[in-house]
Amino acid sequence: MAYGQWALRLAIHFPQFYPQTLKNWIFKTVQKRVLTWQAKLALSTFCLVLLIILWNARGFLLKTLVNPYIVDKIPASYPRCANLVVENWTGDYEIFVHAKAFAEQTGAERIVSTMYESVHHRPRLRQAVMLNAWSAELDTTTLEFFIVPFQEPKTLNLAKAVVDSAHKRGWKEFSLVTRDLHSRRSRLCYEKFAKPLGITVHLLPYEREFNHRNWFESITGWTVAFPEIVKQLYYDVFVL
């Protein structure tokens, strides 16, 4: 009986309250969606403007924040030094060209290039390196090599081998030719072994196609610089 009375009252009053209730529900739903859409539009606009600002300012920001972490200060002039060491990773022609130019600027009396043991023990690879040096117009009859191990961490082990060889020869200083994007890590590794022995290392950073001036302007430049950033972080945390 009670159920029948409730159903009867609902049937009588339904036409009165249903349209208003439906209208309020639809209005609130539409209003909520409009506010959500406006919020999304405002947030998207803000993100887009921020990305445009960051993209246009990327040169300044990355030079200020990232470059000091992987690139040592590029010197305006280079001290005269009798000994010049080329941090030679691949033995390519371009590296020897830079070495020759730096040797003329610093008055180097001898040029020594690093060479991995794996290359030194393979005549064809060793001959290819010598050919590249000769093509760069270096005097290959006086060019010397420090044979260094090919093992991780490479830069640290290479630096130790070079400093040990320099110490055996009685050197008190030498200039080091290395890539600009690699210069800070090289300096830290060489100084780790050279300072206790009283040996001074002068850094001679050279630039390639992608360097500290332009690496952030292209995807290819990022592929060159980003691994160096990761390696520098690894050395700071686990190696040095």
C-alpha atoms as a PDB file:
ATOM      1  CA  MET A   1       0.000   0.000   0.000  1.00  0.00           C
ATOM      2  CA  ALA A   2       2.788   2.395   1.043  1.00  0.00           C
ATOM      3  CA  TYR A   3       4.656   1.650  -2.178  1.00  0.00           C
ATOM      4  CA  GLY A   4       1.557   2.377  -4.234  1.00  0.00           C
ATOM      5  CA  GLN A   5       1.062   5.761  -2.551  1.00  0.00           C
ATOM      6  CA  TRP A   6       4.741   6.730  -3.169  1.00  0.00           C
ATOM      7  CA  ALA A   7       4.440   5.773  -6.815  1.00  0.00           C
ATOM      8  CA  LEU A   8       1.202   7.776  -7.114  1.00  0.00           C
ATOM      9  CA  ARG A   9       2.749  10.938  -5.623  1.00  0.00           C
ATOM     10  CA  LEU A  10       5.799  10.561  -7.915  1.00  0.00           C
ATOM     11  CA  ALA A  11       3.530  10.280 -10.943  1.00  0.00           C
ATOM     12  CA  ILE A  12       1.584  13.405  -9.895  1.00  0.00           C
ATOM     13  CA  HIS A  13       4.594  15.608  -9.177  1.00  0.00           C
ATOM     14  CA  PHE A  14       6.973  14.258 -11.897  1.00  0.00           C
ATOM     15  CA  PRO A  15       6.021  16.749 -14.608  1.00  0.00           C
ATOM     16  CA  GLN A  16       6.656  19.621 -12.151  1.00  0.00           C
ATOM     17  CA  PHE A  17      10.220  18.877 -10.986  1.00  0.00           C
ATOM     18  CA  TYR A  18      11.728  16.713 -13.743  1.00  0.00           C
ATOM     19  CA  PRO A  19      12.254  19.431 -16.406  1.00  0.00           C
ATOM     20  CA  GLN A  20      13.937  21.770 -13.872  1.00  0.00           C
ATOM     21  CA  THR A  21      16.143  19.002 -12.486  1.00  0.00           C
ATOM     22  CA  LEU A  22      17.174  17.922 -15.971  1.00  0.00           C
ATOM     23  CA  LYS A  23      17.884  21.531 -16.916  1.00  0.00           C
ATOM     24  CA  ASN A  24      20.087  22.084 -13.841  1.00  0.00           C
ATOM     25  CA  TRP A  25      21.989  18.859 -14.439  1.00  0.00           C
ATOM     26  CA  ILE A  26      22.655  19.697 -18.092  1.00  0.00           C
ATOM     27  CA  PHE A  27      23.724  23.268 -17.227  1.00  0.00           C
ATOM     28  CA  LYS A  28      26.126  22.127 -14.510  1.00  0.00           C
ATOM     29  CA  THR A  29      27.585  19.458 -16.779  1.00  0.00           C
ATOM     30  CA  VAL A  30      28.116  21.891 -19.661  1.00  0.00           C
ATOM     31  CA  GLN A  31      29.531  24.551 -17.314  1.00  0.00           C
ATOM     32  CA  LYS A  32      31.955  22.031 -15.821  1.00  0.00           C
ATOM     33  CA  ARG A  33      33.129  20.915 -19.241  1.00  0.00           C
ATOM     34  CA  VAL A  34      33.609  24.524 -20.378  1.00  0.00           C
ATOM     35  CA  LEU A  35      35.732  25.299 -17.319  1.00  0.00           C
ATOM     36  CA  THR A  36      37.763  22.129 -17.893  1.00  0.00           C
ATOM     37  CA  TRP A  37      38.269  23.039 -21.547  1.00  0.00           C
ATOM     38  CA  GLN A  38      39.320  26.579 -20.618  1.00  0.00           C
ATOM     39  CA  ALA A  39      41.784  25.235 -18.064  1.00  0.00           C
ATOM     40  CA  LYS A  40      43.266  22.817 -20.606  1.00  0.00           C
ATOM     41  CA  LEU A  41      43.517  25.584 -23.203  1.00  0.00           C
ATOM     42  CA  ALA A  42      45.239  27.926 -20.742  1.00  0.00           C
ATOM     43  CA  LEU A  43      47.674  25.209 -19.651  1.00  0.00           C
ATOM     44  CA  SER A  44      48.441  24.204 -23.250  1.00  0.00           C
ATOM     45  CA  THR A  45      49.028  27.834 -24.216  1.00  0.00           C
ATOM     46  CA  PHE A  46      51.351  28.339 -21.249  1.00  0.00           C
ATOM     47  CA  CYS A  47      53.362  25.197 -22.104  1.00  0.00           C
ATOM     48  CA  LEU A  48      53.590  26.206 -25.756  1.00  0.00           C
ATOM     49  CA  VAL A  49      54.818  29.717 -24.905  1.00  0.00           C
ATOM     50  CA  LEU A  50      57.307  28.266 -22.425  1.00  0.00           C
ATOM     51  CA  LEU A  51      58.656  25.830 -25.032  1.00  0.00           C
ATOM     52  CA  ILE A  52      59.035  28.628 -27.582  1.00  0.00           C
ATOM     53  CA  ILE A  53      60.918  30.764 -25.054  1.00  0.00           C
ATOM     54  CA  LEU A  54      63.180  27.871 -24.049  1.00  0.00           C
ATOM     55  CA  TRP A  55      63.846  26.929 -27.677  1.00  0.00           C
ATOM     56  CA  ASN A  56      64.784  30.495 -28.613  1.00  0.00           C
ATOM     57  CA  ALA A  57      66.931  30.834 -25.497  1.00  0.00           C
ATOM     58  CA  ARG A  58      68.486  27.364 -25.741  1.00  0.00           C
ATOM     59  CA  GLY A  59      71.843  28.710 -26.862  1.00  0.00           C
ATOM     60  CA  PHE A  60      72.226  30.974 -23.836  1.00  0.00           C
ATOM     61  CA  LEU A  61      70.801  28.456 -21.358  1.00  0.00           C
ATOM     62  CA  LEU A  62      72.830  25.470 -22.535  1.00  0.00           C
ATOM     63  CA  LYS A  63      76.023  27.490 -22.858  1.00  0.00           C
ATOM     64  CA  THR A  64      75.502  28.768 -19.321  1.00  0.00           C
ATOM     65  CA  LEU A  65      74.368  25.539 -17.667  1.00  0.00           C
ATOM     66  CA  VAL A  66      75.801  22.623 -19.646  1.00  0.00           C
ATOM     67  CA  ASN A  67      78.971  23.801 -21.366  1.00  0.00           C
ATOM     68  CA  PRO A  68      80.895  24.550 -18.142  1.00  0.00           C
ATOM     69  CA  TYR A  69      80.220  20.974 -17.055  1.00  0.00           C
ATOM     70  CA  ILE A  70      81.905  19.346 -20.052  1.00  0.00           C
ATOM     71  CA  VAL A  71      84.083  22.095 -21.565  1.00  0.00           C
ATOM     72  CA  ASP A  72      87.020  23.778 -19.879  1.00  0.00           C
ATOM     73  CA  LYS A  73      87.543  27.458 -20.477  1.00  0.00           C
ATOM     74  CA  ILE A  74      88.996  27.889 -23.955  1.00  0.00           C
ATOM     75  CA  PRO A  75      92.285  29.789 -23.552  1.00  0.00           C
ATOM     76  CA  ALA A  76      92.911  32.899 -25.632  1.00  0.00           C
ATOM     77  CA  SER A  77      96.589  31.982 -26.041  1.00  0.00           C
ATOM     78  CA  TYR A  78      98.716  28.927 -25.436  1.00  0.00           C
ATOM     79  CA  PRO A  79     101.953  28.735 -23.421  1.00  0.00           C
ATOM     80  CA  ARG A  80     105.114  27.640 -25.137  1.00  0.00           C
ATOM     81  CA  CYS A  81     105.973  24.071 -24.304  1.00  0.00           C
ATOM     82  CA  ALA A  82     108.512  21.668 -25.751  1.00  0.00           C
ATOM     83  CA  ASN A  83     106.362  18.549 -25.323  1.00  0.00           C
ATOM     84  CA  LEU A  84     103.022  18.047 -27.070  1.00  0.00           C
ATOM     85  CA  VAL A  85     100.805  15.005 -26.547  1.00  0.00           C
ATOM     86  CA  VAL A  86      97.883  14.217 -28.832  1.00  0.00           C
ATOM     87  CA  GLU A  87      94.998  12.463 -27.094  1.00  0.00           C
ATOM     88  CA  ASN A  88      94.385  10.306 -30.129  1.00  0.00           C
ATOM     89  CA  TRP A  89      91.266   8.141 -29.952  1.00  0.00           C
ATOM     90  CA  THR A  90      90.900   7.086 -33.571  1.00  0.00           C
ATOM     91  CA  GLY A  91      94.116   8.174 -35.272  1.00  0.00           C
ATOM     92  CA  ASP A  92      92.244  10.102 -37.929  1.00  0.00           C
ATOM     93  CA  TYR A  93      93.685  12.759 -40.198  1.00  0.00           C
ATOM     94  CA  GLU A  94      91.898  15.736 -38.628  1.00  0.00           C
ATOM     95  CA  ILE A  95      93.415  15.150 -35.199  1.00  0.00           C
ATOM     96  CA  PHE A  96      96.926  15.265 -36.635  1.00  0.00           C
ATOM     97  CA  VAL A  97      96.106  18.479 -38.502  1.00  0.00           C
ATOM     98  CA  HIS A  98      95.183  20.136 -35.208  1.00  0.00           C
ATOM     99  CA  ALA A  99      98.293  18.704 -33.563  1.00  0.00           C
ATOM    100  CA  LYS A 100     100.520  20.205 -36.252  1.00  0.00           C
ATOM    101  CA  ALA A 101      98.856  23.627 -35.870  1.00  0.00           C
ATOM    102  CA  PHE A 102      99.210  23.572 -32.082  1.00  0.00           C
ATOM    103  CA  ALA A 103     102.836  22.460 -32.329  1.00  0.00           C
ATOM    104  CA  GLU A 104     103.619  25.516 -34.458  1.00  0.00           C
ATOM    105  CA  GLN A 105     101.800  27.828 -32.025  1.00  0.00           C
ATOM    106  CA  THR A 106     103.474  26.481 -28.896  1.00  0.00           C
ATOM    107  CA  GLY A 107     106.926  25.847 -30.330  1.00  0.00           C
ATOM    108  CA  ALA A 108     106.783  22.144 -29.508  1.00  0.00           C
ATOM    109  CA  GLU A 109     110.017  20.304 -30.146  1.00  0.00           C
ATOM    110  CA  ARG A 110     108.467  16.849 -30.026  1.00  0.00           C
ATOM    111  CA  ILE A 111     105.006  15.493 -30.794  1.00  0.00           C
ATOM    112  CA  VAL A 112     103.778  12.318 -29.131  1.00  0.00           C
ATOM    113  CA  SER A 113     100.502  10.630 -29.985  1.00  0.00           C
ATOM    114  CA  THR A 114      98.674   8.070 -27.911  1.00  0.00           C
ATOM    115  CA  MET A 115      97.974   4.731 -29.556  1.00  0.00           C
ATOM    116  CA  TYR A 116      95.878   1.920 -28.169  1.00  0.00           C
ATOM    117  CA  GLU A 117      97.588  -1.422 -27.636  1.00  0.00           C
ATOM    118  CA  SER A 118      94.993  -3.059 -29.885  1.00  0.00           C
ATOM    119  CA  VAL A 119      96.063  -0.763 -32.743  1.00  0.00           C
ATOM    120  CA  HIS A 120      99.790  -1.035 -32.025  1.00  0.00           C
ATOM    121  CA  HIS A 121      99.689  -4.831 -32.299  1.00  0.00           C
ATOM    122  CA  ARG A 122      97.974  -4.747 -35.695  1.00  0.00           C
ATOM    123  CA  PRO A 123     100.383  -3.668 -38.467  1.00  0.00           C
ATOM    124  CA  ARG A 124      97.666  -2.515 -40.874  1.00  0.00           C
ATOM    125  CA  LEU A 125      95.968  -0.313 -38.290  1.00  0.00           C
ATOM    126  CA  ARG A 126      99.308   1.082 -37.141  1.00  0.00           C
ATOM    127  CA  GLN A 127     100.248   1.807 -40.747  1.00  0.00           C
ATOM    128  CA  ALA A 128      96.897   3.602 -41.309  1.00  0.00           C
ATOM    129  CA  VAL A 129      97.577   5.891 -38.343  1.00  0.00           C
ATOM    130  CA  MET A 130     101.042   6.701 -39.658  1.00  0.00           C
ATOM    131  CA  LEU A 131      99.593   7.423 -43.097  1.00  0.00           C
ATOM    132  CA  ASN A 132      97.103   9.881 -41.584  1.00  0.00           C
ATOM    133  CA  ALA A 133      99.922  11.617 -39.709  1.00  0.00           C
ATOM    134  CA  TRP A 134     101.984  11.824 -42.882  1.00  0.00           C
ATOM    135  CA  SER A 135      98.974  13.193 -44.812  1.00  0.00           C
ATOM    136  CA  ALA A 136      98.691  15.947 -42.187  1.00  0.00           C
ATOM    137  CA  GLU A 137     102.312  16.863 -43.013  1.00  0.00           C
ATOM    138  CA  LEU A 138     103.730  15.725 -39.702  1.00  0.00           C
ATOM    139  CA  ASP A 139     107.293  14.472 -39.649  1.00  0.00           C
ATOM    140  CA  THR A 140     106.565  10.788 -39.192  1.00  0.00           C
ATOM    141  CA  THR A 141     110.265   9.996 -38.764  1.00  0.00           C
ATOM    142  CA  THR A 142     110.269  11.832 -35.424  1.00  0.00           C
ATOM    143  CA  LEU A 143     106.647  11.216 -34.407  1.00  0.00           C
ATOM    144  CA  GLU A 144     106.524   9.144 -31.219  1.00  0.00           C
ATOM    145  CA  PHE A 145     103.747   7.123 -29.618  1.00  0.00           C
ATOM    146  CA  PHE A 146     102.695   6.377 -26.069  1.00  0.00           C
ATOM    147  CA  ILE A 147     101.109   2.917 -26.126  1.00  0.00           C
ATOM    148  CA  VAL A 148      98.065   2.997 -23.851  1.00  0.00           C
ATOM    149  CA  PRO A 149      95.632   0.313 -22.650  1.00  0.00           C
ATOM    150  CA  PHE A 150      92.168  -0.062 -24.143  1.00  0.00           C
ATOM    151  CA  GLN A 151      90.122  -0.620 -21.002  1.00  0.00           C
ATOM    152  CA  GLU A 152      87.408   1.118 -19.036  1.00  0.00           C
ATOM    153  CA  PRO A 153      87.361   3.790 -17.835  1.00  0.00           C
ATOM    154  CA  LYS A 154      89.278   4.676 -20.996  1.00  0.00           C
ATOM    155  CA  THR A 155      90.126   8.331 -20.339  1.00  0.00           C
ATOM    156  CA  LEU A 156      91.382   7.622 -16.836  1.00  0.00           C
ATOM    157  CA  ASN A 157      93.591   4.702 -17.913  1.00  0.00           C
ATOM    158  CA  LEU A 158      94.855   6.627 -20.928  1.00  0.00           C
ATOM    159  CA  ALA A 159      95.734   9.605 -18.723  1.00  0.00           C
ATOM    160  CA  LYS A 160      97.621   7.422 -16.247  1.00  0.00           C
ATOM    161  CA  ALA A 161      99.632   5.751 -19.037  1.00  0.00           C
ATOM    162  CA  VAL A 162     100.553   9.124 -20.574  1.00  0.00           C
ATOM    163  CA  VAL A 163     101.548  10.712 -17.258  1.00  0.00           C
ATOM    164  CA  ASP A 164     103.608   7.661 -16.274  1.00  0.00           C
ATOM    165  CA  SER A 165     105.430   7.771 -19.622  1.00  0.00           C
ATOM    166  CA  ALA A 166     106.023  11.519 -19.307  1.00  0.00           C
ATOM    167  CA  HIS A 167     107.390  11.054 -15.788  1.00  0.00           C
ATOM    168  CA  LYS A 168     109.805   8.358 -16.958  1.00  0.00           C
ATOM    169  CA  ARG A 169     111.153  10.781 -19.550  1.00  0.00           C
ATOM    170  CA  GLY A 170     111.673  13.449 -16.932  1.00  0.00           C
ATOM    171  CA  TRP A 171     109.069  15.857 -18.312  1.00  0.00           C
ATOM    172  CA  LYS A 172     107.942  18.639 -16.003  1.00  0.00           C
ATOM    173  CA  GLU A 173     105.188  19.798 -18.324  1.00  0.00           C
ATOM    174  CA  PHE A 174     103.437  18.936 -21.559  1.00  0.00           C
ATOM    175  CA  SER A 175     100.621  20.281 -23.720  1.00  0.00           C
ATOM    176  CA  LEU A 176      97.639  18.037 -24.307  1.00  0.00           C
ATOM    177  CA  VAL A 177      95.641  18.222 -27.545  1.00  0.00           C
ATOM    178  CA  THR A 178      92.079  17.082 -26.890  1.00  0.00           C
ATOM    179  CA  ARG A 179      88.580  17.793 -28.148  1.00  0.00           C
ATOM    180  CA  ASP A 180      86.763  20.804 -26.657  1.00  0.00           C
ATOM    181  CA  LEU A 181      83.659  18.803 -25.663  1.00  0.00           C
ATOM    182  CA  HIS A 182      85.931  16.357 -23.856  1.00  0.00           C
ATOM    183  CA  SER A 183      88.306  18.891 -22.320  1.00  0.00           C
ATOM    184  CA  ARG A 184      87.031  19.053 -18.739  1.00  0.00           C
ATOM    185  CA  ARG A 185      87.054  15.287 -18.232  1.00  0.00           C
ATOM    186  CA  SER A 186      90.522  15.040 -19.763  1.00  0.00           C
ATOM    187  CA  ARG A 187      91.886  17.774 -17.503  1.00  0.00           C
ATOM    188  CA  LEU A 188      90.465  16.155 -14.353  1.00  0.00           C
ATOM    189  CA  CYS A 189      91.891  12.746 -15.279  1.00  0.00           C
ATOM    190  CA  TYR A 190      95.359  14.023 -16.194  1.00  0.00           C
ATOM    191  CA  GLU A 191      95.634  16.294 -13.174  1.00  0.00           C
ATOM    192  CA  LYS A 192      94.697  13.382 -10.916  1.00  0.00           C
ATOM    193  CA  PHE A 193      98.001  11.685 -11.834  1.00  0.00           C
ATOM    194  CA  ALA A 194     100.151  14.638 -12.925  1.00  0.00           C
ATOM    195  CA  LYS A 195      99.842  16.921  -9.895  1.00  0.00           C
ATOM    196  CA  PRO A 196     101.267  14.427  -7.353  1.00  0.00           C
ATOM    197  CA  LEU A 197     104.313  14.047  -9.648  1.00  0.00           C
ATOM    198  CA  GLY A 198     104.771  17.790 -10.090  1.00  0.00           C
ATOM    199  CA  ILE A 199     103.902  17.697 -13.797  1.00  0.00           C
ATOM    200  CA  THR A 200     101.963  20.581 -15.351  1.00  0.00           C
ATOM    201  CA  VAL A 201      99.452  19.813 -18.099  1.00  0.00           C
ATOM    202  CA  HIS A 202      98.490  22.605 -20.524  1.00  0.00           C
ATOM    203  CA  LEU A 203      95.185  21.929 -22.241  1.00  0.00           C
ATOM    204  CA  LEU A 204      94.914  22.615 -25.988  1.00  0.00           C
ATOM    205  CA  PRO A 205      91.243  22.031 -26.919  1.00  0.00           C
ATOM    206  CA  TYR A 206      90.345  21.797 -30.593  1.00  0.00           C
ATOM    207  CA  GLU A 207      86.961  22.090 -32.291  1.00  0.00           C
ATOM    208  CA  ARG A 208      85.334  19.774 -34.789  1.00  0.00           C
ATOM    209  CA  GLU A 209      82.176  20.192 -36.844  1.00  0.00           C
ATOM    210  CA  PHE A 210      80.034  19.910 -33.717  1.00  0.00           C
ATOM    211  CA  ASN A 211      81.620  21.810 -30.854  1.00  0.00           C
ATOM    212  CA  HIS A 212      80.861  23.873 -27.762  1.00  0.00           C
ATOM    213  CA  ARG A 213      79.588  26.715 -29.945  1.00  0.00           C
ATOM    214  CA  ASN A 214      76.883  24.868 -31.896  1.00  0.00           C
ATOM    215  CA  TRP A 215      76.146  21.356 -30.565  1.00  0.00           C
ATOM    216  CA  PHE A 216      72.739  22.427 -29.198  1.00  0.00           C
ATOM    217  CA  GLU A 217      71.512  23.615 -32.604  1.00  0.00           C
ATOM    218  CA  SER A 218      70.898  20.188 -34.116  1.00  0.00           C
ATOM    219  CA  ILE A 219      69.944  16.635 -33.226  1.00  0.00           C
ATOM    220  CA  THR A 220      73.339  15.400 -34.446  1.00  0.00           C
ATOM    221  CA  GLY A 221      75.047  17.851 -32.128  1.00  0.00           C
ATOM    222  CA  TRP A 222      73.039  16.474 -29.221  1.00  0.00           C
ATOM    223  CA  THR A 223      74.173  12.936 -30.074  1.00  0.00           C
ATOM    224  CA  VAL A 224      77.754  14.188 -29.738  1.00  0.00           C
ATOM    225  CA  ALA A 225      77.369  16.184 -26.533  1.00  0.00           C
ATOM    226  CA  PHE A 226      74.858  14.080 -24.585  1.00  0.00           C
ATOM    227  CA  PRO A 227      77.135  11.017 -24.200  1.00  0.00           C
ATOM    228  CA  GLU A 228      79.853  13.328 -22.891  1.00  0.00           C
ATOM    229  CA  ILE A 229      77.448  14.746 -20.301  1.00  0.00           C
ATOM    230  CA  VAL A 230      76.577  11.220 -19.158  1.00  0.00           C
ATOM    231  CA  LYS A 231      80.239  10.154 -19.048  1.00  0.00           C
ATOM    232  CA  GLN A 232      81.220  13.259 -17.099  1.00  0.00           C
ATOM    233  CA  LEU A 233      78.503  12.506 -14.553  1.00  0.00           C
ATOM    234  CA  TYR A 234      79.689   8.895 -14.302  1.00  0.00           C
ATOM    235  CA  TYR A 235      83.282  10.018 -13.750  1.00  0.00           C
ATOM    236  CA  ASP A 236      82.240  12.541 -11.090  1.00  0.00           C
ATOM    237  CA  VAL A 237      80.244   9.958  -9.167  1.00  0.00           C
ATOM    238  CA  PHE A 238      82.212   6.728  -9.589  1.00  0.00           C
ATOM    239  CA  VAL A 239      85.689   7.399 -11.003  1.00  0.00           C
ATOM    240  CA  LEU A 240      87.277  10.651  -9.860  1.00  0.00           C
END
